[in-house]
Amino acid sequence: MLRVVEVVLRKLGSKPGRPVVGRLVRAPRRGAVVVIEFPDGLHEYVTTPVRRILRVAGQEVYYLQTTNSRYRLEVRRGASTTNESSVVR
């Protein structure tokens, strides 16, 4: 069984941008990019490769450091499905 995970990604630092809300396509893994699909299903937000992942204990909140930026990834909800392939680990 696979999971669809809805997340909010916020860029941290001196120039924080708008929060990115959507479906997590590719789970954060060291050395790989994070991909979030927008609700329209046509566009994606892709980060640079992840260098470090920190998780807040007892919460579904992750802090990611990529090659160029730092992000806060908050998992909003995960729903089980058999057609989608996104899992946060």
N, C-alpha and C. Protein backbone atom coordinates (compact mmCIF):
# COMPACT_ATOMS: atom_id res chain seq x y z
N MET A 1 0.84 -1.17 0.00
CA MET A 1 0.00 0.00 0.00
C MET A 1 0.89 1.24 0.00
N LEU A 2 0.57 2.20 -0.85
CA LEU A 2 1.36 3.40 -1.01
C LEU A 2 0.60 4.59 -0.45
N ARG A 3 1.33 5.70 -0.19
CA ARG A 3 0.71 6.86 0.45
C ARG A 3 0.84 8.11 -0.39
N VAL A 4 -0.22 8.93 -0.38
CA VAL A 4 -0.17 10.28 -0.93
C VAL A 4 0.01 11.19 0.27
N VAL A 5 1.00 12.06 0.21
CA VAL A 5 1.31 12.90 1.35
C VAL A 5 1.20 14.36 0.93
N GLU A 6 0.31 15.10 1.62
CA GLU A 6 0.18 16.54 1.37
C GLU A 6 1.08 17.27 2.34
N VAL A 7 1.86 18.23 1.81
CA VAL A 7 2.85 18.93 2.62
C VAL A 7 2.82 20.43 2.36
N VAL A 8 3.47 21.15 3.28
CA VAL A 8 3.73 22.58 3.11
C VAL A 8 5.23 22.75 3.24
N LEU A 9 5.86 23.34 2.23
CA LEU A 9 7.29 23.57 2.22
C LEU A 9 7.53 25.07 2.33
N ARG A 10 8.29 25.48 3.33
CA ARG A 10 8.61 26.90 3.52
C ARG A 10 10.12 27.09 3.46
N LYS A 11 10.54 28.03 2.65
CA LYS A 11 11.96 28.34 2.55
C LYS A 11 12.35 29.19 3.74
N LEU A 12 13.49 28.89 4.35
CA LEU A 12 13.99 29.62 5.51
C LEU A 12 15.15 30.51 5.09
N GLY A 13 15.44 31.50 5.92
CA GLY A 13 16.61 32.34 5.66
C GLY A 13 16.24 33.78 5.42
N SER A 14 17.16 34.51 4.80
CA SER A 14 17.00 35.95 4.64
C SER A 14 15.94 36.32 3.61
N LYS A 15 15.65 35.45 2.64
CA LYS A 15 14.63 35.74 1.63
C LYS A 15 13.58 34.64 1.59
N PRO A 16 12.79 34.50 2.66
CA PRO A 16 11.76 33.45 2.62
C PRO A 16 10.70 33.78 1.58
N GLY A 17 10.29 32.77 0.85
CA GLY A 17 9.28 32.95 -0.19
C GLY A 17 7.92 32.49 0.28
N ARG A 18 7.00 32.40 -0.66
CA ARG A 18 5.67 31.90 -0.35
C ARG A 18 5.74 30.42 -0.03
N PRO A 19 4.87 29.96 0.87
CA PRO A 19 4.85 28.52 1.16
C PRO A 19 4.38 27.74 -0.07
N VAL A 20 4.97 26.59 -0.28
CA VAL A 20 4.60 25.70 -1.38
C VAL A 20 3.71 24.62 -0.78
N VAL A 21 2.46 24.55 -1.23
CA VAL A 21 1.50 23.56 -0.73
C VAL A 21 1.20 22.60 -1.86
N GLY A 22 1.31 21.31 -1.57
CA GLY A 22 1.03 20.33 -2.62
C GLY A 22 1.28 18.91 -2.15
N ARG A 23 1.41 18.02 -3.13
CA ARG A 23 1.59 16.60 -2.88
C ARG A 23 3.07 16.26 -3.03
N LEU A 24 3.60 15.56 -2.05
CA LEU A 24 5.00 15.15 -2.08
C LEU A 24 5.16 14.02 -3.08
N VAL A 25 5.92 14.25 -4.13
CA VAL A 25 6.13 13.25 -5.18
C VAL A 25 7.34 12.39 -4.85
N ARG A 26 8.40 13.04 -4.40
CA ARG A 26 9.63 12.34 -4.08
C ARG A 26 10.00 12.65 -2.64
N ALA A 27 10.11 11.63 -1.83
CA ALA A 27 10.44 11.81 -0.41
C ALA A 27 11.83 12.38 -0.26
N PRO A 28 12.05 13.17 0.81
CA PRO A 28 13.39 13.73 1.01
C PRO A 28 14.39 12.64 1.38
N ARG A 29 15.43 12.56 0.60
CA ARG A 29 16.52 11.62 0.86
C ARG A 29 17.83 12.33 0.57
N ARG A 30 18.82 12.01 1.33
CA ARG A 30 20.13 12.63 1.16
C ARG A 30 20.66 12.36 -0.25
N GLY A 31 21.06 13.43 -0.93
CA GLY A 31 21.60 13.29 -2.28
C GLY A 31 20.58 13.40 -3.39
N ALA A 32 19.29 13.38 -3.06
CA ALA A 32 18.23 13.46 -4.06
C ALA A 32 17.47 14.78 -3.92
N VAL A 33 16.75 15.16 -4.96
CA VAL A 33 15.94 16.37 -4.91
C VAL A 33 14.58 16.05 -4.28
N VAL A 34 13.93 17.08 -3.74
CA VAL A 34 12.57 16.95 -3.22
C VAL A 34 11.64 17.52 -4.28
N VAL A 35 10.58 16.77 -4.63
CA VAL A 35 9.65 17.20 -5.66
C VAL A 35 8.25 17.31 -5.04
N ILE A 36 7.62 18.49 -5.20
CA ILE A 36 6.27 18.71 -4.71
C ILE A 36 5.39 19.11 -5.89
N GLU A 37 4.30 18.39 -6.08
CA GLU A 37 3.37 18.67 -7.18
C GLU A 37 2.28 19.61 -6.69
N PHE A 38 2.04 20.68 -7.43
CA PHE A 38 0.99 21.62 -7.07
C PHE A 38 -0.39 21.00 -7.27
N PRO A 39 -1.42 21.53 -6.60
CA PRO A 39 -2.77 20.96 -6.71
C PRO A 39 -3.31 20.88 -8.13
N ASP A 40 -2.85 21.74 -9.04
CA ASP A 40 -3.35 21.69 -10.42
C ASP A 40 -2.87 20.46 -11.18
N GLY A 41 -1.86 19.77 -10.63
CA GLY A 41 -1.36 18.55 -11.25
C GLY A 41 -0.48 18.79 -12.46
N LEU A 42 -0.24 20.05 -12.82
CA LEU A 42 0.55 20.36 -14.00
C LEU A 42 1.94 20.90 -13.69
N HIS A 43 2.12 21.42 -12.49
CA HIS A 43 3.38 22.06 -12.14
C HIS A 43 4.00 21.40 -10.92
N GLU A 44 5.33 21.52 -10.83
CA GLU A 44 6.07 20.95 -9.71
C GLU A 44 7.07 21.97 -9.17
N TYR A 45 7.39 21.82 -7.89
CA TYR A 45 8.46 22.58 -7.25
C TYR A 45 9.56 21.59 -6.96
N VAL A 46 10.76 21.85 -7.43
CA VAL A 46 11.88 20.93 -7.27
C VAL A 46 13.02 21.66 -6.57
N THR A 47 13.54 21.07 -5.51
CA THR A 47 14.67 21.66 -4.79
C THR A 47 15.99 21.17 -5.40
N THR A 48 17.08 21.74 -4.94
CA THR A 48 18.39 21.19 -5.28
C THR A 48 18.62 19.95 -4.39
N PRO A 49 19.65 19.16 -4.64
CA PRO A 49 19.86 17.94 -3.85
C PRO A 49 19.97 18.20 -2.35
N VAL A 50 19.38 17.30 -1.57
CA VAL A 50 19.35 17.41 -0.11
C VAL A 50 20.69 17.01 0.48
N ARG A 51 21.18 17.82 1.40
CA ARG A 51 22.42 17.50 2.11
C ARG A 51 22.15 16.96 3.50
N ARG A 52 21.15 17.51 4.18
CA ARG A 52 20.88 17.13 5.57
C ARG A 52 19.38 17.15 5.82
N ILE A 53 18.89 16.19 6.62
CA ILE A 53 17.48 16.11 7.01
C ILE A 53 17.41 15.99 8.52
N LEU A 54 16.66 16.88 9.14
CA LEU A 54 16.43 16.84 10.58
C LEU A 54 14.93 16.73 10.82
N ARG A 55 14.53 15.88 11.77
CA ARG A 55 13.11 15.72 12.09
C ARG A 55 12.86 16.18 13.51
N VAL A 56 11.77 16.94 13.70
CA VAL A 56 11.37 17.36 15.03
C VAL A 56 10.72 16.17 15.71
N ALA A 57 11.23 15.79 16.88
CA ALA A 57 10.74 14.60 17.59
C ALA A 57 9.26 14.71 17.90
N GLY A 58 8.52 13.65 17.61
CA GLY A 58 7.10 13.57 17.93
C GLY A 58 6.21 14.35 16.98
N GLN A 59 6.75 14.94 15.93
CA GLN A 59 5.95 15.71 14.99
C GLN A 59 6.31 15.31 13.57
N GLU A 60 5.44 15.66 12.64
CA GLU A 60 5.70 15.42 11.22
C GLU A 60 6.26 16.69 10.60
N VAL A 61 7.35 17.20 11.19
CA VAL A 61 8.02 18.40 10.70
C VAL A 61 9.48 18.06 10.44
N TYR A 62 9.97 18.43 9.27
CA TYR A 62 11.34 18.15 8.87
C TYR A 62 12.02 19.45 8.48
N TYR A 63 13.28 19.58 8.81
CA TYR A 63 14.10 20.69 8.34
C TYR A 63 15.09 20.12 7.35
N LEU A 64 15.12 20.70 6.16
CA LEU A 64 15.97 20.19 5.09
C LEU A 64 17.02 21.23 4.72
N GLN A 65 18.24 20.80 4.56
CA GLN A 65 19.28 21.66 4.02
C GLN A 65 19.65 21.08 2.66
N THR A 66 19.49 21.91 1.63
CA THR A 66 19.85 21.48 0.29
C THR A 66 21.16 22.16 -0.10
N THR A 67 21.59 21.95 -1.32
CA THR A 67 22.82 22.55 -1.79
C THR A 67 22.78 24.07 -1.69
N ASN A 68 21.61 24.67 -1.99
CA ASN A 68 21.51 26.13 -2.03
C ASN A 68 20.64 26.76 -0.95
N SER A 69 19.77 26.00 -0.27
CA SER A 69 18.78 26.60 0.62
C SER A 69 18.48 25.72 1.82
N ARG A 70 17.68 26.29 2.73
CA ARG A 70 17.15 25.55 3.87
C ARG A 70 15.63 25.66 3.85
N TYR A 71 14.94 24.56 4.23
CA TYR A 71 13.49 24.50 4.16
C TYR A 71 12.91 23.88 5.42
N ARG A 72 11.65 24.21 5.68
CA ARG A 72 10.85 23.55 6.72
C ARG A 72 9.74 22.81 5.98
N LEU A 73 9.68 21.49 6.13
CA LEU A 73 8.69 20.65 5.47
C LEU A 73 7.72 20.14 6.52
N GLU A 74 6.47 20.52 6.41
CA GLU A 74 5.43 20.10 7.36
C GLU A 74 4.45 19.18 6.64
N VAL A 75 4.29 17.97 7.17
CA VAL A 75 3.36 17.01 6.59
C VAL A 75 1.97 17.36 7.11
N ARG A 76 1.06 17.67 6.19
CA ARG A 76 -0.31 18.03 6.55
C ARG A 76 -1.18 16.80 6.75
N ARG A 77 -1.12 15.88 5.77
CA ARG A 77 -1.90 14.65 5.91
C ARG A 77 -1.41 13.63 4.90
N GLY A 78 -1.60 12.39 5.26
CA GLY A 78 -1.25 11.29 4.36
C GLY A 78 -2.45 10.39 4.22
N ALA A 79 -2.81 10.06 2.98
CA ALA A 79 -3.95 9.19 2.71
C ALA A 79 -3.49 7.97 1.93
N SER A 80 -3.99 6.82 2.28
CA SER A 80 -3.58 5.59 1.60
C SER A 80 -4.26 5.49 0.25
N THR A 81 -3.51 4.99 -0.72
CA THR A 81 -4.04 4.78 -2.05
C THR A 81 -3.21 3.70 -2.74
N THR A 82 -3.71 3.17 -3.83
CA THR A 82 -2.96 2.16 -4.56
C THR A 82 -2.39 2.72 -5.86
N ASN A 83 -2.72 3.98 -6.20
CA ASN A 83 -2.28 4.56 -7.47
C ASN A 83 -1.11 5.52 -7.32
N GLU A 84 -0.84 5.99 -6.16
CA GLU A 84 0.18 7.02 -5.97
C GLU A 84 1.39 6.43 -5.23
N SER A 85 2.55 7.08 -5.40
CA SER A 85 3.76 6.56 -4.78
C SER A 85 4.57 7.65 -4.10
N SER A 86 4.14 8.07 -2.91
CA SER A 86 4.90 9.05 -2.13
C SER A 86 4.87 8.64 -0.68
N VAL A 87 6.04 8.48 -0.11
CA VAL A 87 6.14 8.09 1.29
C VAL A 87 7.23 8.93 1.94
N VAL A 88 6.93 9.53 3.07
CA VAL A 88 7.94 10.26 3.82
C VAL A 88 8.61 9.29 4.78
N ARG A 89 9.93 9.23 4.72
CA ARG A 89 10.66 8.33 5.61
C ARG A 89 11.68 9.09 6.37
